Amino acid sequence: MADRGLNFFHHKKEDEAPKYAEDGTLIVETATVEVHGQDAVKGHSTKEHISEAAALVAGGYALYESHRAKTDSDNAGRHKLEEEIVAATAAGAALFGVHEHHAKKTAKKAADE
């Protein structure tokens, strides 16, 4: 099986030895992709809009769970817990939107230069 190249545990060729740093840690080489210009601005803008929509939907669902906690007294604890979880998700999505807005401004400034 190894002679046909189907051994997935060894991705490198046998003649290539792994590289180690001076402290003994393994050096892993990764490929990086750089996005320049308007592509970066468009990508950040898209992520910003998606995070705004996610924050809006999560906020609406948190309001719905708050209402259900008041009306469904048998499962009020579960609805309160779900409300807290969804509220935290909405806050995280909003903060990610702010982050992407600042990244978009930085990418736009870099594209103009």
C-alpha atoms as a PDB file:
ATOM      1  CA  MET A   1       0.000   0.000   0.000  1.00  0.00           C
ATOM      2  CA  ALA A   2       2.858   2.402   0.747  1.00  0.00           C
ATOM      3  CA  ASP A   3       4.433   1.799  -2.655  1.00  0.00           C
ATOM      4  CA  ARG A   4       1.394   3.315  -4.427  1.00  0.00           C
ATOM      5  CA  GLY A   5       1.498   6.489  -2.338  1.00  0.00           C
ATOM      6  CA  LEU A   6      -1.645   5.808  -0.315  1.00  0.00           C
ATOM      7  CA  ASN A   7      -0.023   6.232   3.081  1.00  0.00           C
ATOM      8  CA  PHE A   8      -1.546   9.466   4.380  1.00  0.00           C
ATOM      9  CA  PHE A   9       0.703   9.717   7.434  1.00  0.00           C
ATOM     10  CA  HIS A  10       3.770  10.790   5.442  1.00  0.00           C
ATOM     11  CA  HIS A  11       2.964  13.745   3.236  1.00  0.00           C
ATOM     12  CA  LYS A  12       6.573  14.663   2.504  1.00  0.00           C
ATOM     13  CA  LYS A  13       8.970  12.732   0.368  1.00  0.00           C
ATOM     14  CA  GLU A  14      11.259  10.367   2.217  1.00  0.00           C
ATOM     15  CA  ASP A  15      14.413  12.265   1.264  1.00  0.00           C
ATOM     16  CA  GLU A  16      13.146  15.497   2.859  1.00  0.00           C
ATOM     17  CA  ALA A  17      14.072  15.630   6.528  1.00  0.00           C
ATOM     18  CA  PRO A  18      11.911  17.728   8.890  1.00  0.00           C
ATOM     19  CA  LYS A  19      13.363  21.065   9.984  1.00  0.00           C
ATOM     20  CA  TYR A  20      13.835  21.883  13.664  1.00  0.00           C
ATOM     21  CA  ALA A  21      14.568  25.168  15.431  1.00  0.00           C
ATOM     22  CA  GLU A  22      17.435  25.589  17.892  1.00  0.00           C
ATOM     23  CA  ASP A  23      15.144  24.871  20.849  1.00  0.00           C
ATOM     24  CA  GLY A  24      14.010  21.583  19.308  1.00  0.00           C
ATOM     25  CA  THR A  25      10.562  22.614  18.065  1.00  0.00           C
ATOM     26  CA  LEU A  26       9.432  21.493  14.639  1.00  0.00           C
ATOM     27  CA  ILE A  27       9.315  24.210  11.972  1.00  0.00           C
ATOM     28  CA  VAL A  28       6.159  23.990   9.883  1.00  0.00           C
ATOM     29  CA  GLU A  29       6.084  25.837   6.572  1.00  0.00           C
ATOM     30  CA  THR A  30       2.701  27.217   5.538  1.00  0.00           C
ATOM     31  CA  ALA A  31       1.578  28.981   2.412  1.00  0.00           C
ATOM     32  CA  THR A  32       0.257  32.507   2.796  1.00  0.00           C
ATOM     33  CA  VAL A  33      -2.055  34.227   0.378  1.00  0.00           C
ATOM     34  CA  GLU A  34      -1.983  37.993   0.254  1.00  0.00           C
ATOM     35  CA  VAL A  35      -4.999  39.886  -0.979  1.00  0.00           C
ATOM     36  CA  HIS A  36      -4.354  43.382  -2.273  1.00  0.00           C
ATOM     37  CA  GLY A  37      -6.419  46.305  -3.335  1.00  0.00           C
ATOM     38  CA  GLN A  38     -10.132  46.250  -3.891  1.00  0.00           C
ATOM     39  CA  ASP A  39     -10.400  42.486  -3.246  1.00  0.00           C
ATOM     40  CA  ALA A  40      -9.455  43.018   0.401  1.00  0.00           C
ATOM     41  CA  VAL A  41     -11.884  45.923   0.761  1.00  0.00           C
ATOM     42  CA  LYS A  42     -14.694  43.891  -0.797  1.00  0.00           C
ATOM     43  CA  GLY A  43     -13.964  40.892   1.436  1.00  0.00           C
ATOM     44  CA  HIS A  44     -14.011  42.973   4.620  1.00  0.00           C
ATOM     45  CA  SER A  45     -17.148  44.760   3.480  1.00  0.00           C
ATOM     46  CA  THR A  46     -18.921  41.453   2.841  1.00  0.00           C
ATOM     47  CA  LYS A  47     -17.931  40.094   6.251  1.00  0.00           C
ATOM     48  CA  GLU A  48     -19.087  43.339   7.867  1.00  0.00           C
ATOM     49  CA  HIS A  49     -22.532  43.067   6.258  1.00  0.00           C
ATOM     50  CA  ILE A  50     -22.872  39.393   7.200  1.00  0.00           C
ATOM     51  CA  SER A  51     -21.976  40.136  10.821  1.00  0.00           C
ATOM     52  CA  GLU A  52     -24.501  42.986  10.924  1.00  0.00           C
ATOM     53  CA  ALA A  53     -27.213  40.637   9.678  1.00  0.00           C
ATOM     54  CA  ALA A  54     -26.180  37.953  12.171  1.00  0.00           C
ATOM     55  CA  ALA A  55     -26.310  40.451  15.032  1.00  0.00           C
ATOM     56  CA  LEU A  56     -29.770  41.589  13.937  1.00  0.00           C
ATOM     57  CA  VAL A  57     -31.123  38.045  13.697  1.00  0.00           C
ATOM     58  CA  ALA A  58     -29.582  36.997  17.017  1.00  0.00           C
ATOM     59  CA  GLY A  59     -30.959  40.092  18.735  1.00  0.00           C
ATOM     60  CA  GLY A  60     -34.429  39.367  17.407  1.00  0.00           C
ATOM     61  CA  TYR A  61     -34.235  35.770  18.560  1.00  0.00           C
ATOM     62  CA  ALA A  62     -33.092  36.924  22.015  1.00  0.00           C
ATOM     63  CA  LEU A  63     -36.178  39.146  22.232  1.00  0.00           C
ATOM     64  CA  TYR A  64     -38.339  36.203  21.172  1.00  0.00           C
ATOM     65  CA  GLU A  65     -36.806  33.970  23.871  1.00  0.00           C
ATOM     66  CA  SER A  66     -37.350  36.728  26.442  1.00  0.00           C
ATOM     67  CA  HIS A  67     -41.025  36.823  25.500  1.00  0.00           C
ATOM     68  CA  ARG A  68     -41.275  33.012  25.631  1.00  0.00           C
ATOM     69  CA  ALA A  69     -39.696  33.000  29.102  1.00  0.00           C
ATOM     70  CA  LYS A  70     -42.517  35.235  30.324  1.00  0.00           C
ATOM     71  CA  THR A  71     -45.350  33.348  28.626  1.00  0.00           C
ATOM     72  CA  ASP A  72     -44.181  29.731  29.017  1.00  0.00           C
ATOM     73  CA  SER A  73     -43.775  29.398  32.783  1.00  0.00           C
ATOM     74  CA  ASP A  74     -43.110  25.643  32.636  1.00  0.00           C
ATOM     75  CA  ASN A  75     -39.940  26.080  30.558  1.00  0.00           C
ATOM     76  CA  ALA A  76     -38.973  29.583  31.682  1.00  0.00           C
ATOM     77  CA  GLY A  77     -35.512  28.518  32.834  1.00  0.00           C
ATOM     78  CA  ARG A  78     -34.673  27.022  29.466  1.00  0.00           C
ATOM     79  CA  HIS A  79     -35.888  30.124  27.630  1.00  0.00           C
ATOM     80  CA  LYS A  80     -33.862  32.422  29.901  1.00  0.00           C
ATOM     81  CA  LEU A  81     -30.752  30.329  29.268  1.00  0.00           C
ATOM     82  CA  GLU A  82     -31.311  30.407  25.506  1.00  0.00           C
ATOM     83  CA  GLU A  83     -31.896  34.155  25.692  1.00  0.00           C
ATOM     84  CA  GLU A  84     -28.531  34.668  27.414  1.00  0.00           C
ATOM     85  CA  ILE A  85     -26.718  32.481  24.897  1.00  0.00           C
ATOM     86  CA  VAL A  86     -28.260  34.238  21.907  1.00  0.00           C
ATOM     87  CA  ALA A  87     -27.619  37.666  23.447  1.00  0.00           C
ATOM     88  CA  ALA A  88     -23.932  36.793  23.816  1.00  0.00           C
ATOM     89  CA  THR A  89     -23.897  35.622  20.200  1.00  0.00           C
ATOM     90  CA  ALA A  90     -25.462  38.905  19.081  1.00  0.00           C
ATOM     91  CA  ALA A  91     -22.840  40.879  20.993  1.00  0.00           C
ATOM     92  CA  GLY A  92     -20.053  38.804  19.450  1.00  0.00           C
ATOM     93  CA  ALA A  93     -21.421  39.309  15.953  1.00  0.00           C
ATOM     94  CA  ALA A  94     -21.691  43.059  16.535  1.00  0.00           C
ATOM     95  CA  LEU A  95     -18.101  43.241  17.779  1.00  0.00           C
ATOM     96  CA  PHE A  96     -16.921  41.245  14.780  1.00  0.00           C
ATOM     97  CA  GLY A  97     -18.742  43.751  12.569  1.00  0.00           C
ATOM     98  CA  VAL A  98     -16.875  46.616  14.240  1.00  0.00           C
ATOM     99  CA  HIS A  99     -13.591  44.747  13.750  1.00  0.00           C
ATOM    100  CA  GLU A 100     -14.316  44.184  10.055  1.00  0.00           C
ATOM    101  CA  HIS A 101     -15.292  47.843   9.634  1.00  0.00           C
ATOM    102  CA  HIS A 102     -11.894  48.932  10.945  1.00  0.00           C
ATOM    103  CA  ALA A 103     -10.138  46.295   8.822  1.00  0.00           C
ATOM    104  CA  LYS A 104     -12.028  47.583   5.762  1.00  0.00           C
ATOM    105  CA  LYS A 105     -10.897  51.137   6.484  1.00  0.00           C
ATOM    106  CA  THR A 106      -7.287  49.963   6.841  1.00  0.00           C
ATOM    107  CA  ALA A 107      -7.463  47.942   3.618  1.00  0.00           C
ATOM    108  CA  LYS A 108      -9.001  50.889   1.767  1.00  0.00           C
ATOM    109  CA  LYS A 109      -6.212  53.146   3.019  1.00  0.00           C
ATOM    110  CA  ALA A 110      -3.587  50.581   1.909  1.00  0.00           C
ATOM    111  CA  ALA A 111      -5.250  50.205  -1.507  1.00  0.00           C
ATOM    112  CA  ASP A 112      -5.163  53.962  -2.084  1.00  0.00           C
ATOM    113  CA  GLU A 113      -1.422  54.133  -1.450  1.00  0.00           C
END
